[in-house]
Amino acid sequence: MTQTTAEPAQFDDDAFTSIFDRTDQVFDVVINGEEQYSIWPDGRELPAGWTRTGFRDLRDACLAHIDEVWVDMRPASLRRWMESAEGGA
């Protein structure tokens, strides 16, 4: 039995980009249980643990929306722990 070695695929850097880099793609703003935000391509199944917020638009508008609403970058569990530690001190 002979083995053949496949040549690695060649891609034009401009033609091969992540869907998340596309400015013409519609995205949903999503949030997880730790109240962390992200974007997800519209119409695609969400990964476990993420929920759509109801905001849907082009990538840049979604990122601008996240900038407005995600004012505390700490995970929700850390915020709760810090609040309980402050209350017990």
Protein backbone atom coordinates (compact mmCIF):
# COMPACT_ATOMS: atom_id res chain seq x y z
CA MET A 1 0.00 0.00 0.00
CA THR A 2 1.43 3.37 -0.97
CA GLN A 3 0.75 6.52 0.94
CA THR A 4 0.35 9.82 -0.79
CA THR A 5 1.11 13.08 0.88
CA ALA A 6 -1.38 15.82 0.14
CA GLU A 7 -0.05 19.28 -0.49
CA PRO A 8 -1.28 21.86 2.02
CA ALA A 9 -4.11 24.03 0.73
CA GLN A 10 -3.08 27.42 -0.53
CA PHE A 11 -5.31 30.35 0.35
CA ASP A 12 -5.29 33.93 -0.75
CA ASP A 13 -5.11 35.92 2.50
CA ASP A 14 -7.74 38.38 1.25
CA ALA A 15 -10.19 35.67 0.22
CA PHE A 16 -10.00 33.49 3.33
CA THR A 17 -11.25 35.31 6.41
CA SER A 18 -13.27 34.35 9.43
CA ILE A 19 -16.99 35.00 9.25
CA PHE A 20 -16.49 37.15 12.36
CA ASP A 21 -14.31 39.53 10.33
CA ARG A 22 -16.98 40.15 7.69
CA THR A 23 -18.54 43.59 7.98
CA ASP A 24 -21.42 42.62 5.65
CA GLN A 25 -22.54 39.70 7.86
CA VAL A 26 -25.60 40.04 10.11
CA PHE A 27 -24.91 38.99 13.68
CA ASP A 28 -26.88 38.47 16.87
CA VAL A 29 -25.61 39.88 20.15
CA VAL A 30 -25.46 36.99 22.59
CA ILE A 31 -24.88 36.68 26.33
CA ASN A 32 -23.80 33.79 28.53
CA GLY A 33 -24.57 32.87 32.13
CA GLU A 34 -21.66 34.99 33.35
CA GLU A 35 -23.24 38.02 31.62
CA GLN A 36 -20.41 38.19 29.08
CA TYR A 37 -21.36 39.43 25.62
CA SER A 38 -20.32 38.33 22.16
CA ILE A 39 -21.60 38.22 18.60
CA TRP A 40 -22.80 35.17 16.71
CA PRO A 41 -23.68 34.81 13.01
CA ASP A 42 -27.43 35.24 12.48
CA GLY A 43 -29.23 32.01 11.76
CA ARG A 44 -26.56 29.71 13.17
CA GLU A 45 -27.17 27.44 16.14
CA LEU A 46 -25.81 28.93 19.33
CA PRO A 47 -23.17 27.13 21.37
CA ALA A 48 -24.35 25.74 24.71
CA GLY A 49 -24.67 28.36 27.42
CA TRP A 50 -25.34 31.34 25.13
CA THR A 51 -28.63 33.20 24.59
CA ARG A 52 -29.63 35.80 22.02
CA THR A 53 -30.30 39.24 23.53
CA GLY A 54 -32.64 40.33 20.74
CA PHE A 55 -30.20 42.81 19.19
CA ARG A 56 -29.38 41.91 15.56
CA ASP A 57 -27.48 44.00 13.02
CA LEU A 58 -24.27 44.19 11.04
CA ARG A 59 -21.04 43.40 12.90
CA ASP A 60 -19.95 46.96 13.67
CA ALA A 61 -23.38 47.94 15.01
CA CYS A 62 -23.45 44.83 17.21
CA LEU A 63 -20.00 45.61 18.60
CA ALA A 64 -21.04 49.22 19.27
CA HIS A 65 -24.13 47.95 21.10
CA ILE A 66 -21.97 45.65 23.24
CA ASP A 67 -19.72 48.61 24.08
CA GLU A 68 -22.80 50.46 25.37
CA VAL A 69 -24.36 47.68 27.44
CA TRP A 70 -21.37 45.72 28.77
CA VAL A 71 -20.07 48.27 31.24
CA ASP A 72 -18.60 45.86 33.81
CA MET A 73 -16.27 43.30 32.25
CA ARG A 74 -16.04 41.16 35.37
CA PRO A 75 -17.89 37.83 35.16
CA ALA A 76 -21.17 37.82 37.09
CA SER A 77 -19.90 35.22 39.55
CA LEU A 78 -16.93 37.42 40.46
CA ARG A 79 -19.17 40.46 40.93
CA ARG A 80 -21.48 38.45 43.22
CA TRP A 81 -18.51 37.12 45.21
CA MET A 82 -17.02 40.60 45.60
CA GLU A 83 -20.39 42.00 46.72
CA SER A 84 -20.81 39.24 49.31
CA ALA A 85 -17.23 39.74 50.55
CA GLU A 86 -17.85 43.47 50.96
CA GLY A 87 -21.06 42.80 52.86
CA GLY A 88 -19.37 40.37 55.25
CA ALA A 89 -16.42 42.61 56.05
